[in-house]
Amino acid sequence: MVLATLDFGNAILLFSGLSFLGLGSPPPTPEWGAMVADGVLNFNYWWIGALPGLAILSMAVGANFIGDSLRDFLDPKLRKEL
């Protein structure tokens, strides 16, 4: 269960990187990586690429924090005795 939450952040980064390169779903499907790629084309409007990039970052870091806290909670060696 812990490994699944840690791999979730890696999967988000992998799929958004692939869609940034144009190897994701077809264009009508909204993907964060494709939105960042559209932001590169419209560089004068920085929020077009920055906001999906922040969403990718927050989801990846959040999944890693959840996985780390699950590991701390479920590991009997790390539990403190009362």
N, C-alpha and C. Protein backbone atom coordinates (compact mmCIF):
# COMPACT_ATOMS: atom_id res chain seq x y z
N MET A 1 0.83 -1.18 0.00
CA MET A 1 0.00 0.00 0.00
C MET A 1 0.88 1.26 0.00
N VAL A 2 1.97 1.21 0.75
CA VAL A 2 2.87 2.36 0.79
C VAL A 2 3.56 2.55 -0.55
N LEU A 3 3.99 1.45 -1.14
CA LEU A 3 4.67 1.53 -2.43
C LEU A 3 3.73 2.05 -3.53
N ALA A 4 2.46 1.72 -3.43
CA ALA A 4 1.49 2.21 -4.42
C ALA A 4 1.34 3.72 -4.34
N THR A 5 1.32 4.28 -3.14
CA THR A 5 1.19 5.74 -3.04
C THR A 5 2.47 6.43 -3.49
N LEU A 6 3.62 5.82 -3.25
CA LEU A 6 4.86 6.42 -3.72
C LEU A 6 4.99 6.32 -5.24
N ASP A 7 4.50 5.24 -5.81
CA ASP A 7 4.54 5.09 -7.27
C ASP A 7 3.51 5.97 -7.96
N PHE A 8 2.50 6.40 -7.25
CA PHE A 8 1.48 7.27 -7.83
C PHE A 8 2.09 8.60 -8.28
N GLY A 9 2.97 9.18 -7.46
CA GLY A 9 3.65 10.41 -7.84
C GLY A 9 4.55 10.22 -9.05
N ASN A 10 5.24 9.08 -9.10
CA ASN A 10 6.09 8.80 -10.25
C ASN A 10 5.27 8.61 -11.52
N ALA A 11 4.11 7.99 -11.39
CA ALA A 11 3.24 7.79 -12.56
C ALA A 11 2.72 9.13 -13.08
N ILE A 12 2.40 10.04 -12.19
CA ILE A 12 1.94 11.37 -12.61
C ILE A 12 3.04 12.07 -13.40
N LEU A 13 4.26 12.01 -12.90
CA LEU A 13 5.37 12.65 -13.59
C LEU A 13 5.67 11.99 -14.93
N LEU A 14 5.57 10.67 -14.98
CA LEU A 14 5.83 9.95 -16.22
C LEU A 14 4.79 10.28 -17.29
N PHE A 15 3.51 10.21 -16.92
CA PHE A 15 2.45 10.46 -17.91
C PHE A 15 2.40 11.92 -18.34
N SER A 16 2.68 12.84 -17.43
CA SER A 16 2.69 14.24 -17.84
C SER A 16 3.90 14.54 -18.72
N GLY A 17 5.01 13.88 -18.47
CA GLY A 17 6.17 14.06 -19.34
C GLY A 17 5.93 13.52 -20.74
N LEU A 18 5.27 12.37 -20.81
CA LEU A 18 4.94 11.81 -22.12
C LEU A 18 3.95 12.67 -22.88
N SER A 19 2.95 13.20 -22.17
CA SER A 19 1.98 14.05 -22.87
C SER A 19 2.60 15.39 -23.23
N PHE A 20 3.61 15.86 -22.48
CA PHE A 20 4.32 17.08 -22.85
C PHE A 20 5.05 16.89 -24.17
N LEU A 21 5.60 15.69 -24.38
CA LEU A 21 6.30 15.39 -25.62
C LEU A 21 5.37 15.07 -26.78
N GLY A 22 4.07 14.96 -26.51
CA GLY A 22 3.10 14.67 -27.55
C GLY A 22 2.81 13.19 -27.71
N LEU A 23 3.22 12.38 -26.74
CA LEU A 23 3.01 10.94 -26.82
C LEU A 23 1.86 10.47 -25.93
N GLY A 24 0.99 11.37 -25.52
CA GLY A 24 -0.12 11.02 -24.66
C GLY A 24 -1.40 10.76 -25.44
N SER A 25 -2.51 11.10 -24.83
CA SER A 25 -3.82 10.92 -25.45
C SER A 25 -4.00 11.91 -26.60
N PRO A 26 -4.98 11.66 -27.46
CA PRO A 26 -5.24 12.60 -28.56
C PRO A 26 -5.60 14.00 -28.04
N PRO A 27 -5.40 15.04 -28.84
CA PRO A 27 -5.53 16.43 -28.40
C PRO A 27 -6.82 16.86 -27.72
N PRO A 28 -7.99 16.35 -28.04
CA PRO A 28 -9.14 16.88 -27.28
C PRO A 28 -9.15 16.47 -25.81
N THR A 29 -8.38 15.44 -25.45
CA THR A 29 -8.34 14.99 -24.06
C THR A 29 -7.44 15.93 -23.26
N PRO A 30 -7.97 16.50 -22.16
CA PRO A 30 -7.13 17.41 -21.37
C PRO A 30 -6.13 16.62 -20.52
N GLU A 31 -4.86 16.96 -20.66
CA GLU A 31 -3.80 16.37 -19.84
C GLU A 31 -2.89 17.48 -19.37
N TRP A 32 -2.33 17.33 -18.18
CA TRP A 32 -1.50 18.39 -17.60
C TRP A 32 -0.24 18.62 -18.41
N GLY A 33 0.37 17.58 -18.91
CA GLY A 33 1.58 17.75 -19.70
C GLY A 33 1.32 18.48 -21.00
N ALA A 34 0.19 18.18 -21.64
CA ALA A 34 -0.18 18.88 -22.87
C ALA A 34 -0.50 20.34 -22.59
N MET A 35 -1.08 20.61 -21.41
CA MET A 35 -1.36 21.99 -21.04
C MET A 35 -0.07 22.78 -20.82
N VAL A 36 0.95 22.13 -20.23
CA VAL A 36 2.24 22.78 -20.06
C VAL A 36 2.88 23.03 -21.42
N ALA A 37 2.75 22.08 -22.34
CA ALA A 37 3.29 22.26 -23.69
C ALA A 37 2.59 23.41 -24.41
N ASP A 38 1.29 23.59 -24.19
CA ASP A 38 0.59 24.74 -24.76
C ASP A 38 1.09 26.05 -24.16
N GLY A 39 1.48 25.99 -22.89
CA GLY A 39 2.03 27.17 -22.24
C GLY A 39 3.37 27.57 -22.80
N VAL A 40 4.13 26.60 -23.30
CA VAL A 40 5.42 26.91 -23.93
C VAL A 40 5.18 27.67 -25.24
N LEU A 41 4.13 27.31 -25.95
CA LEU A 41 3.81 28.00 -27.20
C LEU A 41 3.31 29.42 -26.96
N ASN A 42 2.62 29.65 -25.86
CA ASN A 42 2.10 30.97 -25.50
C ASN A 42 2.91 31.51 -24.33
N PHE A 43 4.17 31.84 -24.56
CA PHE A 43 5.08 32.20 -23.47
C PHE A 43 4.73 33.54 -22.84
N ASN A 44 4.05 34.42 -23.55
CA ASN A 44 3.67 35.71 -22.98
C ASN A 44 2.62 35.56 -21.89
N TYR A 45 1.82 34.53 -21.96
CA TYR A 45 0.80 34.24 -20.95
C TYR A 45 1.33 33.10 -20.08
N TRP A 46 2.09 33.45 -19.03
CA TRP A 46 2.83 32.47 -18.25
C TRP A 46 1.93 31.53 -17.47
N TRP A 47 0.71 31.95 -17.13
CA TRP A 47 -0.16 31.12 -16.31
C TRP A 47 -0.72 29.92 -17.06
N ILE A 48 -0.66 29.93 -18.37
CA ILE A 48 -1.16 28.79 -19.15
C ILE A 48 -0.31 27.55 -18.89
N GLY A 49 0.97 27.71 -18.72
CA GLY A 49 1.84 26.58 -18.44
C GLY A 49 2.18 26.42 -16.98
N ALA A 50 2.15 27.52 -16.22
CA ALA A 50 2.57 27.46 -14.82
C ALA A 50 1.54 26.78 -13.92
N LEU A 51 0.27 27.03 -14.15
CA LEU A 51 -0.75 26.44 -13.28
C LEU A 51 -0.86 24.92 -13.41
N PRO A 52 -0.85 24.35 -14.63
CA PRO A 52 -0.80 22.88 -14.71
C PRO A 52 0.52 22.32 -14.16
N GLY A 53 1.60 23.06 -14.31
CA GLY A 53 2.87 22.61 -13.74
C GLY A 53 2.82 22.58 -12.22
N LEU A 54 2.18 23.57 -11.62
CA LEU A 54 2.01 23.57 -10.17
C LEU A 54 1.09 22.44 -9.72
N ALA A 55 0.09 22.11 -10.53
CA ALA A 55 -0.79 20.99 -10.20
C ALA A 55 -0.04 19.67 -10.25
N ILE A 56 0.83 19.51 -11.24
CA ILE A 56 1.65 18.30 -11.33
C ILE A 56 2.56 18.20 -10.12
N LEU A 57 3.21 19.30 -9.78
CA LEU A 57 4.12 19.33 -8.64
C LEU A 57 3.40 19.02 -7.34
N SER A 58 2.26 19.64 -7.11
CA SER A 58 1.54 19.42 -5.85
C SER A 58 1.00 18.01 -5.73
N MET A 59 0.55 17.43 -6.82
CA MET A 59 0.06 16.05 -6.76
C MET A 59 1.19 15.06 -6.51
N ALA A 60 2.33 15.25 -7.15
CA ALA A 60 3.46 14.34 -6.97
C ALA A 60 4.03 14.45 -5.56
N VAL A 61 4.21 15.66 -5.07
CA VAL A 61 4.75 15.85 -3.73
C VAL A 61 3.74 15.39 -2.68
N GLY A 62 2.46 15.66 -2.91
CA GLY A 62 1.42 15.21 -1.97
C GLY A 62 1.34 13.70 -1.89
N ALA A 63 1.43 13.01 -3.01
CA ALA A 63 1.41 11.55 -2.99
C ALA A 63 2.63 11.00 -2.27
N ASN A 64 3.78 11.63 -2.45
CA ASN A 64 4.98 11.19 -1.74
C ASN A 64 4.87 11.44 -0.24
N PHE A 65 4.29 12.55 0.17
CA PHE A 65 4.10 12.81 1.60
C PHE A 65 3.12 11.83 2.21
N ILE A 66 2.06 11.50 1.49
CA ILE A 66 1.10 10.52 2.00
C ILE A 66 1.76 9.15 2.14
N GLY A 67 2.54 8.76 1.15
CA GLY A 67 3.23 7.47 1.22
C GLY A 67 4.24 7.43 2.35
N ASP A 68 4.95 8.52 2.57
CA ASP A 68 5.93 8.57 3.65
C ASP A 68 5.24 8.52 5.01
N SER A 69 4.14 9.23 5.17
CA SER A 69 3.43 9.18 6.45
C SER A 69 2.78 7.82 6.67
N LEU A 70 2.32 7.17 5.61
CA LEU A 70 1.81 5.80 5.76
C LEU A 70 2.91 4.84 6.20
N ARG A 71 4.09 5.01 5.64
CA ARG A 71 5.22 4.16 6.04
C ARG A 71 5.55 4.38 7.51
N ASP A 72 5.56 5.62 7.95
CA ASP A 72 5.83 5.91 9.35
C ASP A 72 4.76 5.34 10.27
N PHE A 73 3.51 5.38 9.83
CA PHE A 73 2.41 4.89 10.65
C PHE A 73 2.37 3.37 10.71
N LEU A 74 2.67 2.71 9.60
CA LEU A 74 2.53 1.26 9.55
C LEU A 74 3.78 0.48 9.96
N ASP A 75 4.93 1.13 10.05
CA ASP A 75 6.16 0.43 10.41
C ASP A 75 6.22 0.26 11.93
N PRO A 76 6.23 -0.99 12.42
CA PRO A 76 6.25 -1.19 13.87
C PRO A 76 7.57 -0.76 14.51
N LYS A 77 8.65 -0.72 13.76
CA LYS A 77 9.93 -0.29 14.33
C LYS A 77 9.96 1.19 14.63
N LEU A 78 9.18 1.96 13.90
CA LEU A 78 9.19 3.40 14.08
C LEU A 78 8.16 3.89 15.11
N ARG A 79 7.28 3.02 15.53
CA ARG A 79 6.27 3.42 16.50
C ARG A 79 6.91 3.61 17.87
N LYS A 80 6.49 4.62 18.54
CA LYS A 80 7.00 4.89 19.89
C LYS A 80 6.07 4.26 20.91
N GLU A 81 6.65 3.71 21.93
CA GLU A 81 5.83 3.10 22.98
C GLU A 81 5.37 4.20 23.93
N LEU A 82 4.13 4.06 24.40
CA LEU A 82 3.59 5.06 25.32
C LEU A 82 3.94 4.77 26.74
